[in-house]
Amino acid sequence: MNEHQAAALLGVAVKTLRNWRCRGDGPKFVKLGGGRMVRYRESDLTAFIERDVRASTGDRGL
C-alpha cells in the first residue's frame, strides 16, 4: 500500500510516517521504481503494530 494508506491504517500523519522512515524506527518499507516509490506490505505494518503490544503501562516490551 502507499504511504497515505499506511498512515491511515496506523492512525498517524503521512509526515510522521516519513519521519519514522528517515530515522529508521518505523515499519519496514519497499522502494520501487528506482527508489522513487515507497510502498508498505500489510504484513510489515502488522508486525510493526505487534512489536508495540503491551500488557500494562509498566510493560516495556522486549
N, C-alpha and C. Protein backbone atom coordinates (compact mmCIF):
# COMPACT_ATOMS: atom_id res chain seq x y z
N MET A 1 0.83 -1.18 0.00
CA MET A 1 0.00 0.00 0.00
C MET A 1 0.88 1.25 0.00
N ASN A 2 0.34 2.34 -0.44
CA ASN A 2 1.13 3.57 -0.48
C ASN A 2 1.21 4.20 0.91
N GLU A 3 1.98 5.28 1.03
CA GLU A 3 2.20 5.86 2.35
C GLU A 3 0.94 6.49 2.94
N HIS A 4 0.04 6.96 2.12
CA HIS A 4 -1.21 7.53 2.62
C HIS A 4 -2.09 6.43 3.22
N GLN A 5 -2.15 5.31 2.56
CA GLN A 5 -2.93 4.17 3.08
C GLN A 5 -2.30 3.62 4.35
N ALA A 6 -0.99 3.52 4.36
CA ALA A 6 -0.29 3.00 5.54
C ALA A 6 -0.46 3.93 6.73
N ALA A 7 -0.35 5.23 6.49
CA ALA A 7 -0.53 6.20 7.57
C ALA A 7 -1.95 6.12 8.14
N ALA A 8 -2.93 5.98 7.27
CA ALA A 8 -4.32 5.86 7.72
C ALA A 8 -4.51 4.60 8.56
N LEU A 9 -3.92 3.50 8.13
CA LEU A 9 -4.02 2.25 8.88
C LEU A 9 -3.41 2.39 10.27
N LEU A 10 -2.29 3.08 10.37
CA LEU A 10 -1.61 3.26 11.65
C LEU A 10 -2.18 4.40 12.48
N GLY A 11 -3.01 5.23 11.86
CA GLY A 11 -3.61 6.36 12.58
C GLY A 11 -2.64 7.49 12.84
N VAL A 12 -1.70 7.68 11.92
CA VAL A 12 -0.72 8.76 12.04
C VAL A 12 -0.73 9.60 10.77
N ALA A 13 -0.11 10.75 10.84
CA ALA A 13 0.01 11.60 9.66
C ALA A 13 1.07 11.03 8.72
N VAL A 14 0.93 11.33 7.44
CA VAL A 14 1.92 10.89 6.45
C VAL A 14 3.29 11.44 6.83
N LYS A 15 3.34 12.65 7.33
CA LYS A 15 4.61 13.26 7.74
C LYS A 15 5.28 12.45 8.85
N THR A 16 4.49 11.93 9.78
CA THR A 16 5.03 11.09 10.84
C THR A 16 5.64 9.83 10.25
N LEU A 17 4.93 9.22 9.33
CA LEU A 17 5.44 8.01 8.67
C LEU A 17 6.74 8.31 7.94
N ARG A 18 6.82 9.45 7.28
CA ARG A 18 8.05 9.84 6.57
C ARG A 18 9.20 10.07 7.55
N ASN A 19 8.90 10.70 8.68
CA ASN A 19 9.94 10.93 9.70
C ASN A 19 10.44 9.60 10.25
N TRP A 20 9.53 8.69 10.55
CA TRP A 20 9.93 7.37 11.03
C TRP A 20 10.84 6.69 10.01
N ARG A 21 10.47 6.80 8.74
CA ARG A 21 11.25 6.15 7.68
C ARG A 21 12.66 6.73 7.62
N CYS A 22 12.79 8.03 7.75
CA CYS A 22 14.11 8.67 7.71
C CYS A 22 14.96 8.28 8.92
N ARG A 23 14.32 8.15 10.08
CA ARG A 23 15.05 7.78 11.30
C ARG A 23 15.30 6.29 11.41
N GLY A 24 14.54 5.51 10.63
CA GLY A 24 14.71 4.06 10.66
C GLY A 24 14.00 3.37 11.80
N ASP A 25 13.03 4.04 12.42
CA ASP A 25 12.33 3.40 13.53
C ASP A 25 10.85 3.14 13.25
N GLY A 26 10.46 3.22 12.02
CA GLY A 26 9.08 2.92 11.63
C GLY A 26 8.96 1.53 11.05
N PRO A 27 7.84 1.25 10.42
CA PRO A 27 7.66 -0.06 9.80
C PRO A 27 8.57 -0.24 8.59
N LYS A 28 8.88 -1.48 8.27
CA LYS A 28 9.68 -1.76 7.07
C LYS A 28 8.92 -1.27 5.85
N PHE A 29 9.66 -0.92 4.81
CA PHE A 29 9.04 -0.43 3.58
C PHE A 29 9.81 -0.93 2.38
N VAL A 30 9.22 -0.76 1.22
CA VAL A 30 9.81 -1.19 -0.05
C VAL A 30 9.93 0.03 -0.94
N LYS A 31 11.09 0.17 -1.61
CA LYS A 31 11.27 1.25 -2.57
C LYS A 31 11.23 0.65 -3.97
N LEU A 32 10.34 1.14 -4.79
CA LEU A 32 10.17 0.65 -6.16
C LEU A 32 10.50 1.76 -7.15
N GLY A 33 10.62 1.38 -8.41
CA GLY A 33 10.83 2.37 -9.46
C GLY A 33 12.12 3.15 -9.30
N GLY A 34 13.18 2.45 -8.99
CA GLY A 34 14.46 3.13 -8.82
C GLY A 34 14.52 3.96 -7.55
N GLY A 35 13.70 3.61 -6.57
CA GLY A 35 13.70 4.31 -5.29
C GLY A 35 12.76 5.49 -5.23
N ARG A 36 11.94 5.66 -6.26
CA ARG A 36 11.05 6.81 -6.31
C ARG A 36 9.70 6.56 -5.64
N MET A 37 9.30 5.32 -5.56
CA MET A 37 8.00 5.00 -4.95
C MET A 37 8.21 4.20 -3.68
N VAL A 38 7.54 4.60 -2.63
CA VAL A 38 7.60 3.88 -1.36
C VAL A 38 6.29 3.14 -1.18
N ARG A 39 6.40 1.87 -0.82
CA ARG A 39 5.22 1.05 -0.58
C ARG A 39 5.42 0.27 0.71
N TYR A 40 4.32 -0.09 1.33
CA TYR A 40 4.33 -0.85 2.57
C TYR A 40 3.55 -2.14 2.38
N ARG A 41 4.11 -3.23 2.89
CA ARG A 41 3.40 -4.50 2.88
C ARG A 41 2.53 -4.56 4.13
N GLU A 42 1.34 -5.09 3.98
CA GLU A 42 0.43 -5.21 5.11
C GLU A 42 1.08 -6.01 6.24
N SER A 43 1.80 -7.06 5.89
CA SER A 43 2.45 -7.90 6.91
C SER A 43 3.48 -7.11 7.72
N ASP A 44 4.19 -6.18 7.09
CA ASP A 44 5.16 -5.36 7.80
C ASP A 44 4.48 -4.34 8.72
N LEU A 45 3.34 -3.82 8.29
CA LEU A 45 2.60 -2.89 9.15
C LEU A 45 2.03 -3.62 10.36
N THR A 46 1.53 -4.83 10.13
CA THR A 46 1.02 -5.64 11.24
C THR A 46 2.14 -5.97 12.22
N ALA A 47 3.30 -6.34 11.72
CA ALA A 47 4.44 -6.65 12.57
C ALA A 47 4.86 -5.42 13.39
N PHE A 48 4.81 -4.24 12.77
CA PHE A 48 5.15 -3.00 13.46
C PHE A 48 4.19 -2.75 14.61
N ILE A 49 2.91 -2.97 14.38
CA ILE A 49 1.90 -2.79 15.43
C ILE A 49 2.13 -3.81 16.54
N GLU A 50 2.33 -5.06 16.17
CA GLU A 50 2.51 -6.14 17.16
C GLU A 50 3.75 -5.92 18.01
N ARG A 51 4.76 -5.30 17.45
CA ARG A 51 6.00 -5.03 18.17
C ARG A 51 5.77 -4.17 19.41
N ASP A 52 4.75 -3.34 19.36
CA ASP A 52 4.49 -2.40 20.45
C ASP A 52 3.33 -2.82 21.36
N VAL A 53 2.89 -4.05 21.26
CA VAL A 53 1.81 -4.53 22.13
C VAL A 53 2.34 -4.66 23.55
N ARG A 54 1.59 -4.17 24.50
CA ARG A 54 1.97 -4.22 25.91
C ARG A 54 0.82 -4.79 26.74
N ALA A 55 1.15 -5.39 27.87
CA ALA A 55 0.16 -5.96 28.77
C ALA A 55 -0.28 -4.94 29.82
N SER A 56 0.57 -3.96 30.10
CA SER A 56 0.25 -2.91 31.09
C SER A 56 1.07 -1.68 30.78
N THR A 57 0.76 -0.59 31.46
CA THR A 57 1.52 0.65 31.22
C THR A 57 2.96 0.54 31.67
N GLY A 58 3.24 -0.38 32.60
CA GLY A 58 4.61 -0.57 33.07
C GLY A 58 5.41 -1.54 32.23
N ASP A 59 4.76 -2.20 31.29
CA ASP A 59 5.40 -3.18 30.42
C ASP A 59 6.27 -2.45 29.40
N ARG A 60 7.57 -2.71 29.42
CA ARG A 60 8.49 -2.05 28.48
C ARG A 60 8.68 -2.81 27.19
N GLY A 61 8.05 -3.96 27.07
CA GLY A 61 8.22 -4.75 25.85
C GLY A 61 9.51 -5.53 25.90
N LEU A 62 9.86 -6.05 24.73
CA LEU A 62 11.05 -6.90 24.66
C LEU A 62 12.30 -6.11 24.58
